[in-house]
N, C-alpha and C. Protein backbone atom coordinates (compact mmCIF):
# COMPACT_ATOMS: atom_id res chain seq x y z
N MET A 1 0.83 -1.20 0.00
CA MET A 1 0.00 0.00 0.00
C MET A 1 0.87 1.26 0.00
N ARG A 2 1.89 1.25 0.85
CA ARG A 2 2.76 2.43 0.95
C ARG A 2 3.50 2.67 -0.36
N LYS A 3 4.01 1.60 -0.98
CA LYS A 3 4.73 1.73 -2.24
C LYS A 3 3.80 2.24 -3.35
N THR A 4 2.57 1.74 -3.38
CA THR A 4 1.60 2.19 -4.38
C THR A 4 1.30 3.67 -4.22
N LEU A 5 1.09 4.09 -2.96
CA LEU A 5 0.80 5.50 -2.68
C LEU A 5 1.98 6.38 -3.07
N LEU A 6 3.20 5.95 -2.74
CA LEU A 6 4.39 6.72 -3.07
C LEU A 6 4.55 6.84 -4.58
N THR A 7 4.30 5.76 -5.30
CA THR A 7 4.40 5.78 -6.77
C THR A 7 3.37 6.74 -7.36
N ALA A 8 2.13 6.70 -6.86
CA ALA A 8 1.08 7.59 -7.37
C ALA A 8 1.43 9.05 -7.11
N VAL A 9 1.94 9.36 -5.94
CA VAL A 9 2.32 10.74 -5.61
C VAL A 9 3.46 11.20 -6.50
N THR A 10 4.46 10.35 -6.70
CA THR A 10 5.61 10.70 -7.53
C THR A 10 5.18 11.00 -8.96
N ILE A 11 4.34 10.14 -9.54
CA ILE A 11 3.87 10.35 -10.90
C ILE A 11 3.06 11.64 -10.99
N SER A 12 2.20 11.91 -10.02
CA SER A 12 1.39 13.13 -10.02
C SER A 12 2.27 14.37 -9.95
N LEU A 13 3.26 14.35 -9.08
CA LEU A 13 4.14 15.51 -8.95
C LEU A 13 4.97 15.72 -10.20
N MET A 14 5.41 14.64 -10.84
CA MET A 14 6.15 14.77 -12.08
C MET A 14 5.27 15.40 -13.16
N GLY A 15 4.02 15.02 -13.19
CA GLY A 15 3.09 15.59 -14.17
C GLY A 15 2.85 17.06 -13.93
N LEU A 16 2.79 17.48 -12.66
CA LEU A 16 2.57 18.88 -12.35
C LEU A 16 3.81 19.72 -12.63
N ALA A 17 4.98 19.18 -12.32
CA ALA A 17 6.21 19.96 -12.43
C ALA A 17 6.82 19.90 -13.82
N GLY A 18 6.59 18.80 -14.54
CA GLY A 18 7.26 18.61 -15.81
C GLY A 18 6.64 19.39 -16.95
N ARG A 19 7.42 19.59 -17.97
CA ARG A 19 6.96 20.24 -19.19
C ARG A 19 6.31 19.18 -20.06
N ALA A 20 5.33 19.58 -20.83
CA ALA A 20 4.64 18.64 -21.72
C ALA A 20 5.61 18.06 -22.74
N SER A 21 5.42 16.81 -23.07
CA SER A 21 6.27 16.18 -24.07
C SER A 21 5.72 16.51 -25.46
N PRO A 22 6.56 16.36 -26.49
CA PRO A 22 6.16 16.76 -27.84
C PRO A 22 4.95 15.97 -28.36
N ALA A 23 4.09 16.67 -29.05
CA ALA A 23 2.94 16.04 -29.71
C ALA A 23 3.41 15.43 -31.03
N THR A 24 2.77 14.34 -31.42
CA THR A 24 3.08 13.68 -32.68
C THR A 24 1.80 13.60 -33.51
N PHE A 25 1.90 13.95 -34.77
CA PHE A 25 0.78 13.83 -35.70
C PHE A 25 1.16 12.84 -36.78
N ASN A 26 0.25 11.93 -37.08
CA ASN A 26 0.47 10.93 -38.12
C ASN A 26 -0.35 11.27 -39.35
N PHE A 27 0.27 11.07 -40.52
CA PHE A 27 -0.46 11.24 -41.77
C PHE A 27 -1.58 10.21 -41.79
N PHE A 28 -2.82 10.63 -42.06
CA PHE A 28 -3.96 9.73 -42.07
C PHE A 28 -4.37 9.36 -43.49
N ALA A 29 -4.60 10.37 -44.33
CA ALA A 29 -5.06 10.08 -45.69
C ALA A 29 -4.99 11.33 -46.55
N THR A 30 -4.97 11.11 -47.85
CA THR A 30 -5.16 12.18 -48.82
C THR A 30 -6.52 11.97 -49.45
N VAL A 31 -7.30 13.02 -49.50
CA VAL A 31 -8.66 12.94 -50.02
C VAL A 31 -8.75 13.81 -51.27
N ALA A 32 -9.24 13.22 -52.36
CA ALA A 32 -9.40 13.96 -53.61
C ALA A 32 -10.78 14.62 -53.61
N ALA A 33 -10.90 15.68 -52.88
CA ALA A 33 -12.16 16.43 -52.79
C ALA A 33 -11.82 17.91 -52.70
N PRO A 34 -12.74 18.76 -53.10
CA PRO A 34 -12.42 20.18 -53.12
C PRO A 34 -12.25 20.82 -51.75
N ASN A 35 -12.90 20.28 -50.69
CA ASN A 35 -12.87 20.98 -49.41
C ASN A 35 -13.20 20.01 -48.28
N GLU A 36 -12.49 20.10 -47.17
CA GLU A 36 -12.74 19.21 -46.03
C GLU A 36 -14.04 19.53 -45.30
N CYS A 37 -14.58 20.71 -45.50
CA CYS A 37 -15.82 21.09 -44.81
C CYS A 37 -17.06 20.91 -45.67
N GLY A 38 -16.89 20.43 -46.89
CA GLY A 38 -18.05 20.24 -47.76
C GLY A 38 -18.80 21.54 -47.95
N GLY A 39 -20.12 21.46 -48.02
CA GLY A 39 -20.92 22.66 -48.22
C GLY A 39 -21.49 23.21 -46.93
N GLY A 40 -21.12 22.63 -45.78
CA GLY A 40 -21.70 23.02 -44.50
C GLY A 40 -21.19 24.32 -43.91
N GLY A 41 -20.09 24.82 -44.40
CA GLY A 41 -19.54 26.06 -43.85
C GLY A 41 -18.54 25.79 -42.74
N PHE A 42 -17.68 26.76 -42.50
CA PHE A 42 -16.56 26.62 -41.58
C PHE A 42 -16.99 26.35 -40.14
N ASP A 43 -17.92 27.13 -39.60
CA ASP A 43 -18.31 27.00 -38.19
C ASP A 43 -18.98 25.66 -37.88
N SER A 44 -19.59 25.03 -38.86
CA SER A 44 -20.26 23.75 -38.62
C SER A 44 -19.42 22.55 -39.08
N CYS A 45 -18.21 22.80 -39.52
CA CYS A 45 -17.33 21.76 -40.04
C CYS A 45 -16.75 20.93 -38.89
N THR A 46 -16.74 19.61 -39.06
CA THR A 46 -16.11 18.71 -38.08
C THR A 46 -15.26 17.67 -38.82
N LEU A 47 -14.29 17.13 -38.11
CA LEU A 47 -13.46 16.05 -38.63
C LEU A 47 -13.29 15.05 -37.49
N PHE A 48 -13.69 13.81 -37.70
CA PHE A 48 -13.67 12.78 -36.66
C PHE A 48 -14.44 13.23 -35.42
N GLY A 49 -15.50 14.00 -35.63
CA GLY A 49 -16.32 14.48 -34.52
C GLY A 49 -15.79 15.72 -33.82
N SER A 50 -14.66 16.24 -34.26
CA SER A 50 -14.07 17.42 -33.64
C SER A 50 -14.35 18.66 -34.48
N PRO A 51 -14.74 19.78 -33.84
CA PRO A 51 -15.03 21.00 -34.59
C PRO A 51 -13.75 21.75 -34.99
N THR A 52 -13.91 22.62 -35.97
CA THR A 52 -12.80 23.45 -36.40
C THR A 52 -12.45 24.45 -35.29
N ILE A 53 -11.17 24.80 -35.22
CA ILE A 53 -10.71 25.88 -34.33
C ILE A 53 -10.42 27.10 -35.19
N ALA A 54 -9.53 26.90 -36.17
CA ALA A 54 -9.08 28.01 -37.01
C ALA A 54 -8.69 27.50 -38.39
N LYS A 55 -8.77 28.40 -39.36
CA LYS A 55 -8.38 28.08 -40.73
C LYS A 55 -7.55 29.24 -41.26
N TYR A 56 -6.33 28.93 -41.72
CA TYR A 56 -5.42 29.94 -42.27
C TYR A 56 -5.38 29.77 -43.78
N ASN A 57 -5.85 30.77 -44.51
CA ASN A 57 -5.92 30.74 -45.96
C ASN A 57 -4.67 31.38 -46.56
N TYR A 58 -4.21 30.81 -47.70
CA TYR A 58 -3.02 31.30 -48.38
C TYR A 58 -3.33 31.52 -49.85
N LYS A 59 -2.67 32.51 -50.43
CA LYS A 59 -2.80 32.78 -51.86
C LYS A 59 -1.39 33.02 -52.38
N ASN A 60 -0.95 32.17 -53.31
CA ASN A 60 0.39 32.25 -53.88
C ASN A 60 1.47 32.22 -52.82
N GLY A 61 1.30 31.38 -51.79
CA GLY A 61 2.29 31.22 -50.75
C GLY A 61 2.31 32.31 -49.70
N VAL A 62 1.32 33.20 -49.72
CA VAL A 62 1.27 34.30 -48.76
C VAL A 62 -0.02 34.20 -47.95
N ALA A 63 0.09 34.40 -46.63
CA ALA A 63 -1.10 34.37 -45.77
C ALA A 63 -2.11 35.38 -46.27
N ASP A 64 -3.35 34.94 -46.43
CA ASP A 64 -4.39 35.78 -47.03
C ASP A 64 -5.47 36.16 -46.03
N ALA A 65 -5.93 35.21 -45.22
CA ALA A 65 -7.01 35.47 -44.27
C ALA A 65 -7.04 34.38 -43.20
N ILE A 66 -7.63 34.71 -42.06
CA ILE A 66 -7.81 33.76 -40.97
C ILE A 66 -9.30 33.67 -40.66
N GLU A 67 -9.81 32.43 -40.56
CA GLU A 67 -11.18 32.21 -40.11
C GLU A 67 -11.10 31.56 -38.74
N LEU A 68 -11.89 32.05 -37.78
CA LEU A 68 -11.91 31.52 -36.43
C LEU A 68 -13.30 31.02 -36.09
N ASN A 69 -13.40 29.91 -35.39
CA ASN A 69 -14.69 29.36 -34.99
C ASN A 69 -15.07 29.95 -33.63
N ASN A 70 -15.55 31.18 -33.64
CA ASN A 70 -15.94 31.86 -32.41
C ASN A 70 -17.23 31.30 -31.82
N THR A 71 -17.97 30.51 -32.59
CA THR A 71 -19.20 29.89 -32.08
C THR A 71 -18.86 28.86 -31.01
N VAL A 72 -17.88 28.00 -31.29
CA VAL A 72 -17.48 26.95 -30.36
C VAL A 72 -16.35 27.42 -29.44
N PHE A 73 -15.43 28.22 -29.96
CA PHE A 73 -14.25 28.65 -29.21
C PHE A 73 -14.16 30.18 -29.17
N PRO A 74 -14.96 30.84 -28.35
CA PRO A 74 -14.95 32.31 -28.33
C PRO A 74 -13.64 32.91 -27.83
N SER A 75 -12.81 32.15 -27.13
CA SER A 75 -11.55 32.70 -26.61
C SER A 75 -10.44 32.72 -27.66
N ILE A 76 -10.58 31.98 -28.75
CA ILE A 76 -9.54 31.92 -29.78
C ILE A 76 -9.53 33.23 -30.57
N ASP A 77 -8.34 33.85 -30.66
CA ASP A 77 -8.22 35.09 -31.43
C ASP A 77 -7.21 34.98 -32.57
N GLY A 78 -6.59 33.80 -32.73
CA GLY A 78 -5.65 33.58 -33.82
C GLY A 78 -4.19 33.70 -33.39
N THR A 79 -3.91 34.39 -32.31
CA THR A 79 -2.53 34.56 -31.86
C THR A 79 -1.98 33.28 -31.24
N GLU A 80 -2.84 32.30 -30.96
CA GLU A 80 -2.39 31.04 -30.38
C GLU A 80 -1.60 30.20 -31.37
N PHE A 81 -1.81 30.45 -32.67
CA PHE A 81 -1.16 29.68 -33.72
C PHE A 81 -0.05 30.48 -34.38
N SER A 82 0.96 29.76 -34.80
CA SER A 82 2.04 30.32 -35.60
C SER A 82 2.27 29.34 -36.74
N VAL A 83 2.19 29.81 -37.99
CA VAL A 83 2.35 28.94 -39.15
C VAL A 83 3.51 29.47 -39.99
N SER A 84 4.45 28.59 -40.34
CA SER A 84 5.60 28.96 -41.17
C SER A 84 5.63 28.09 -42.41
N LEU A 85 5.76 28.71 -43.56
CA LEU A 85 5.81 27.99 -44.83
C LEU A 85 7.23 27.92 -45.36
N ALA A 86 7.57 26.79 -45.95
CA ALA A 86 8.83 26.65 -46.67
C ALA A 86 8.53 26.84 -48.16
N THR A 87 9.53 26.97 -48.97
CA THR A 87 9.32 27.21 -50.39
C THR A 87 8.84 25.97 -51.14
N ASN A 88 8.99 24.78 -50.57
CA ASN A 88 8.65 23.55 -51.28
C ASN A 88 7.25 23.03 -50.96
N GLY A 89 6.39 23.83 -50.36
CA GLY A 89 5.04 23.39 -50.04
C GLY A 89 4.92 22.74 -48.68
N SER A 90 6.02 22.66 -47.97
CA SER A 90 5.96 22.10 -46.62
C SER A 90 5.96 23.25 -45.62
N GLY A 91 5.86 22.91 -44.35
CA GLY A 91 5.89 23.95 -43.34
C GLY A 91 5.75 23.39 -41.94
N THR A 92 5.68 24.28 -40.98
CA THR A 92 5.49 23.90 -39.59
C THR A 92 4.46 24.83 -38.96
N TRP A 93 3.87 24.36 -37.87
CA TRP A 93 2.96 25.19 -37.11
C TRP A 93 3.17 24.90 -35.63
N SER A 94 2.77 25.87 -34.81
CA SER A 94 2.82 25.73 -33.36
C SER A 94 1.52 26.25 -32.78
N TYR A 95 1.14 25.71 -31.64
CA TYR A 95 -0.08 26.12 -30.95
C TYR A 95 0.24 26.31 -29.48
N SER A 96 0.01 27.50 -28.97
CA SER A 96 0.25 27.83 -27.56
C SER A 96 -1.04 28.37 -26.95
N PRO A 97 -1.87 27.47 -26.43
CA PRO A 97 -3.16 27.91 -25.88
C PRO A 97 -3.01 28.59 -24.52
N SER A 98 -3.97 29.44 -24.23
CA SER A 98 -4.11 30.04 -22.91
C SER A 98 -5.49 29.64 -22.41
N ALA A 99 -5.66 29.55 -21.09
CA ALA A 99 -6.98 29.22 -20.56
C ALA A 99 -7.95 30.32 -20.98
N PRO A 100 -9.12 30.05 -21.44
CA PRO A 100 -9.82 28.77 -21.58
C PRO A 100 -9.79 28.21 -23.00
N ASP A 101 -8.71 28.45 -23.75
CA ASP A 101 -8.60 27.91 -25.10
C ASP A 101 -8.64 26.38 -25.07
N PRO A 102 -8.97 25.74 -26.21
CA PRO A 102 -8.94 24.28 -26.26
C PRO A 102 -7.54 23.78 -25.90
N ALA A 103 -7.49 22.65 -25.22
CA ALA A 103 -6.21 22.11 -24.73
C ALA A 103 -5.37 21.47 -25.82
N VAL A 104 -6.00 20.84 -26.80
CA VAL A 104 -5.24 20.11 -27.81
C VAL A 104 -5.79 20.38 -29.21
N VAL A 105 -4.95 20.12 -30.18
CA VAL A 105 -5.36 20.07 -31.58
C VAL A 105 -5.43 18.58 -31.91
N THR A 106 -6.61 18.07 -32.25
CA THR A 106 -6.76 16.64 -32.49
C THR A 106 -6.40 16.23 -33.91
N SER A 107 -6.53 17.16 -34.85
CA SER A 107 -6.16 16.87 -36.24
C SER A 107 -6.02 18.19 -36.98
N PHE A 108 -5.36 18.11 -38.12
CA PHE A 108 -5.30 19.27 -39.00
C PHE A 108 -5.32 18.80 -40.44
N VAL A 109 -5.75 19.69 -41.32
CA VAL A 109 -5.89 19.40 -42.73
C VAL A 109 -5.06 20.41 -43.52
N VAL A 110 -4.30 19.90 -44.48
CA VAL A 110 -3.53 20.75 -45.38
C VAL A 110 -4.17 20.62 -46.75
N LYS A 111 -4.67 21.72 -47.30
CA LYS A 111 -5.34 21.73 -48.61
C LYS A 111 -4.39 22.34 -49.64
N ALA A 112 -4.16 21.60 -50.70
CA ALA A 112 -3.32 22.08 -51.81
C ALA A 112 -3.74 21.35 -53.07
N GLY A 113 -3.82 22.08 -54.17
CA GLY A 113 -4.18 21.45 -55.44
C GLY A 113 -5.58 20.87 -55.41
N PRO A 114 -5.72 19.66 -55.96
CA PRO A 114 -7.05 19.08 -56.12
C PRO A 114 -7.59 18.36 -54.87
N GLY A 115 -6.85 18.32 -53.80
CA GLY A 115 -7.32 17.58 -52.63
C GLY A 115 -6.72 18.12 -51.34
N TYR A 116 -6.84 17.32 -50.29
CA TYR A 116 -6.28 17.72 -49.00
C TYR A 116 -5.75 16.49 -48.26
N SER A 117 -4.78 16.73 -47.39
CA SER A 117 -4.20 15.68 -46.56
C SER A 117 -4.64 15.88 -45.12
N ILE A 118 -4.93 14.76 -44.46
CA ILE A 118 -5.38 14.78 -43.07
C ILE A 118 -4.26 14.24 -42.19
N TYR A 119 -3.99 14.95 -41.11
CA TYR A 119 -3.02 14.50 -40.10
C TYR A 119 -3.76 14.39 -38.77
N GLN A 120 -3.54 13.28 -38.05
CA GLN A 120 -4.21 13.05 -36.77
C GLN A 120 -3.20 13.01 -35.63
N TRP A 121 -3.60 13.61 -34.50
CA TRP A 121 -2.77 13.61 -33.30
C TRP A 121 -2.72 12.21 -32.72
N ASP A 122 -1.54 11.75 -32.38
CA ASP A 122 -1.37 10.49 -31.66
C ASP A 122 -1.58 10.81 -30.19
N ASN A 123 -2.76 10.46 -29.65
CA ASN A 123 -3.08 10.88 -28.28
C ASN A 123 -2.25 10.15 -27.22
N SER A 124 -1.39 9.23 -27.63
CA SER A 124 -0.44 8.67 -26.67
C SER A 124 0.85 9.48 -26.65
N SER A 125 0.94 10.47 -27.54
CA SER A 125 2.10 11.38 -27.52
C SER A 125 1.77 12.55 -26.59
N GLY A 126 2.63 13.53 -26.58
CA GLY A 126 2.48 14.65 -25.66
C GLY A 126 1.53 15.73 -26.13
N THR A 127 1.55 16.84 -25.40
CA THR A 127 0.68 17.98 -25.70
C THR A 127 1.46 19.26 -25.92
N ASP A 128 2.73 19.14 -26.28
CA ASP A 128 3.52 20.31 -26.65
C ASP A 128 3.43 20.44 -28.17
N PHE A 129 2.56 21.35 -28.62
CA PHE A 129 2.28 21.51 -30.05
C PHE A 129 3.20 22.56 -30.65
N THR A 130 4.50 22.27 -30.65
CA THR A 130 5.51 23.20 -31.16
C THR A 130 6.21 22.57 -32.35
N ASN A 131 6.34 23.32 -33.43
CA ASN A 131 7.04 22.89 -34.64
C ASN A 131 6.51 21.57 -35.20
N ILE A 132 5.20 21.50 -35.38
CA ILE A 132 4.56 20.34 -36.00
C ILE A 132 4.68 20.53 -37.52
N SER A 133 5.18 19.53 -38.21
CA SER A 133 5.46 19.71 -39.64
C SER A 133 4.44 19.00 -40.53
N TRP A 134 4.38 19.45 -41.77
CA TRP A 134 3.56 18.83 -42.81
C TRP A 134 4.25 19.06 -44.14
N ASP A 135 3.79 18.34 -45.16
CA ASP A 135 4.25 18.62 -46.52
C ASP A 135 3.10 18.35 -47.49
N THR A 136 3.24 18.82 -48.69
CA THR A 136 2.20 18.64 -49.70
C THR A 136 2.62 17.62 -50.77
N SER A 137 3.57 16.75 -50.43
CA SER A 137 4.05 15.77 -51.41
C SER A 137 2.94 14.82 -51.85
N THR A 138 2.00 14.49 -50.96
CA THR A 138 0.89 13.61 -51.35
C THR A 138 -0.14 14.35 -52.19
N LEU A 139 0.04 15.65 -52.33
CA LEU A 139 -0.88 16.48 -53.12
C LEU A 139 -0.17 17.03 -54.36
N GLY A 140 0.86 16.32 -54.82
CA GLY A 140 1.58 16.74 -56.01
C GLY A 140 2.42 17.99 -55.79
N ASP A 141 2.81 18.25 -54.54
CA ASP A 141 3.60 19.44 -54.19
C ASP A 141 2.97 20.73 -54.68
N SER A 142 1.65 20.77 -54.70
CA SER A 142 0.92 21.97 -55.12
C SER A 142 1.06 23.07 -54.07
N ALA A 143 0.76 24.29 -54.46
CA ALA A 143 0.82 25.42 -53.54
C ALA A 143 -0.27 25.30 -52.48
N LEU A 144 0.04 25.69 -51.27
CA LEU A 144 -0.88 25.60 -50.15
C LEU A 144 -2.07 26.54 -50.34
N SER A 145 -3.28 26.00 -50.18
CA SER A 145 -4.50 26.79 -50.22
C SER A 145 -4.88 27.23 -48.81
N HIS A 146 -4.90 26.24 -47.88
CA HIS A 146 -5.19 26.56 -46.48
C HIS A 146 -4.80 25.41 -45.57
N ILE A 147 -4.73 25.71 -44.28
CA ILE A 147 -4.50 24.72 -43.25
C ILE A 147 -5.57 24.94 -42.19
N THR A 148 -6.28 23.88 -41.82
CA THR A 148 -7.40 23.95 -40.88
C THR A 148 -7.08 23.10 -39.66
N PHE A 149 -7.38 23.63 -38.47
CA PHE A 149 -7.11 22.94 -37.22
C PHE A 149 -8.41 22.54 -36.55
N PHE A 150 -8.44 21.35 -35.94
CA PHE A 150 -9.63 20.80 -35.28
C PHE A 150 -9.31 20.43 -33.84
N ASP A 151 -10.33 20.47 -32.98
CA ASP A 151 -10.17 20.16 -31.57
C ASP A 151 -11.40 19.49 -31.02
N THR A 152 -11.28 18.91 -29.83
CA THR A 152 -12.40 18.23 -29.19
C THR A 152 -13.38 19.18 -28.52
N GLY A 153 -12.98 20.42 -28.30
CA GLY A 153 -13.85 21.37 -27.61
C GLY A 153 -13.67 21.34 -26.11
N VAL A 154 -12.68 20.58 -25.61
CA VAL A 154 -12.42 20.50 -24.17
C VAL A 154 -11.34 21.50 -23.80
N SER A 155 -11.62 22.33 -22.80
CA SER A 155 -10.63 23.30 -22.35
C SER A 155 -9.64 22.64 -21.41
N GLU A 156 -8.46 23.24 -21.34
CA GLU A 156 -7.39 22.75 -20.48
C GLU A 156 -7.75 22.97 -19.02
N VAL A 157 -7.41 21.99 -18.15
CA VAL A 157 -7.62 22.15 -16.71
C VAL A 157 -6.48 23.00 -16.19
N PRO A 158 -6.76 24.13 -15.55
CA PRO A 158 -5.68 24.97 -15.06
C PRO A 158 -4.84 24.23 -14.02
N LEU A 159 -3.56 24.55 -13.96
CA LEU A 159 -2.64 23.88 -13.05
C LEU A 159 -3.07 23.98 -11.59
N PRO A 160 -3.53 25.13 -11.08
CA PRO A 160 -3.96 25.16 -9.68
C PRO A 160 -5.09 24.17 -9.40
N ALA A 161 -6.00 23.99 -10.32
CA ALA A 161 -7.09 23.02 -10.12
C ALA A 161 -6.52 21.61 -10.05
N ALA A 162 -5.55 21.30 -10.89
CA ALA A 162 -4.92 19.98 -10.85
C ALA A 162 -4.24 19.75 -9.51
N GLY A 163 -3.60 20.78 -8.97
CA GLY A 163 -2.96 20.67 -7.67
C GLY A 163 -3.95 20.39 -6.56
N PHE A 164 -5.10 21.08 -6.58
CA PHE A 164 -6.13 20.83 -5.57
C PHE A 164 -6.67 19.41 -5.67
N LEU A 165 -6.80 18.91 -6.91
CA LEU A 165 -7.24 17.53 -7.09
C LEU A 165 -6.25 16.55 -6.46
N LEU A 166 -4.95 16.82 -6.65
CA LEU A 166 -3.92 15.96 -6.08
C LEU A 166 -3.99 15.99 -4.55
N VAL A 167 -4.10 17.17 -3.97
CA VAL A 167 -4.17 17.30 -2.51
C VAL A 167 -5.41 16.59 -1.98
N GLY A 168 -6.53 16.75 -2.65
CA GLY A 168 -7.76 16.09 -2.23
C GLY A 168 -7.63 14.57 -2.28
N ALA A 169 -7.01 14.06 -3.33
CA ALA A 169 -6.82 12.61 -3.46
C ALA A 169 -5.90 12.09 -2.36
N LEU A 170 -4.84 12.81 -2.06
CA LEU A 170 -3.93 12.39 -1.00
C LEU A 170 -4.63 12.37 0.35
N GLY A 171 -5.46 13.40 0.62
CA GLY A 171 -6.22 13.45 1.87
C GLY A 171 -7.17 12.27 1.99
N SER A 172 -7.81 11.92 0.90
CA SER A 172 -8.73 10.76 0.92
C SER A 172 -7.99 9.47 1.20
N LEU A 173 -6.82 9.30 0.58
CA LEU A 173 -6.04 8.10 0.83
C LEU A 173 -5.57 8.02 2.28
N ALA A 174 -5.17 9.15 2.85
CA ALA A 174 -4.74 9.18 4.25
C ALA A 174 -5.91 8.81 5.16
N GLY A 175 -7.11 9.31 4.86
CA GLY A 175 -8.29 8.98 5.65
C GLY A 175 -8.62 7.50 5.60
N LEU A 176 -8.50 6.91 4.43
CA LEU A 176 -8.74 5.47 4.29
C LEU A 176 -7.73 4.66 5.10
N ARG A 177 -6.49 5.10 5.09
CA ARG A 177 -5.45 4.39 5.82
C ARG A 177 -5.74 4.43 7.32
N ARG A 178 -6.17 5.60 7.84
CA ARG A 178 -6.50 5.73 9.26
C ARG A 178 -7.63 4.81 9.65
N ARG A 179 -8.64 4.74 8.81
CA ARG A 179 -9.78 3.86 9.10
C ARG A 179 -9.35 2.40 9.19
N ARG A 180 -8.48 1.99 8.29
CA ARG A 180 -8.00 0.59 8.29
C ARG A 180 -7.22 0.27 9.57
N LYS A 181 -6.39 1.23 10.01
CA LYS A 181 -5.61 1.02 11.22
C LYS A 181 -6.51 0.94 12.44
N ALA A 182 -7.57 1.77 12.47
CA ALA A 182 -8.49 1.79 13.61
C ALA A 182 -9.33 0.52 13.69
N ALA A 183 -9.58 -0.11 12.57
CA ALA A 183 -10.45 -1.31 12.54
C ALA A 183 -9.74 -2.55 13.01
C-alpha cells in the first residue's frame, strides 16, 4: 500500500512539475475532394467528430485570411497559432493555448491542389504543439490553399485546479489508511 501511494504521488508531482512532451501527428489520408468542410460552412465543419478551431488561408504562398470558430471557441483570437511555410510546399505550425482555449489540436488538414491531406494527433504522444510539420508531397507538391485545425472542444484544466485535485486525493487516501488502522 505504501509503495503504491508513493508511486502515485511521484507520478502526479512529475506531471505537475514537468513540461509537456512533444505532440506527434500521423499522416492519415489524402482525399481527392475540393474541401474538407463540404458545403456546411466553416463553423459547422467537423473532422472525426471534432469542430474546427481556425483556418489559415493562403494565396500564392502568402497568408491571405484567418477564419476563427468563435461559435465553439470564443476565446480563440488567432494569436495562439504560428504557421511557417517553406518554399517547397511544406511547413510547420505551433499552438500555444491560454486558458480557456482548447487544450489540444486533435487533427489538421492541409489543402493544396485538387485535394487535402489529413493529419491526426497520436493521443499517446504529448501535448507540446511546437514545430509540427507537414508537406504537400501527397498532393503533387501543389501550392498551399489553407491549413485547418480541429479540436475536441475540451478546455485545459488549469494547473492550480490539478494541484487541488492531487491534494484532495492524498487526503482521501490518508483517511482510508487511518480507518483501516483503527479497525
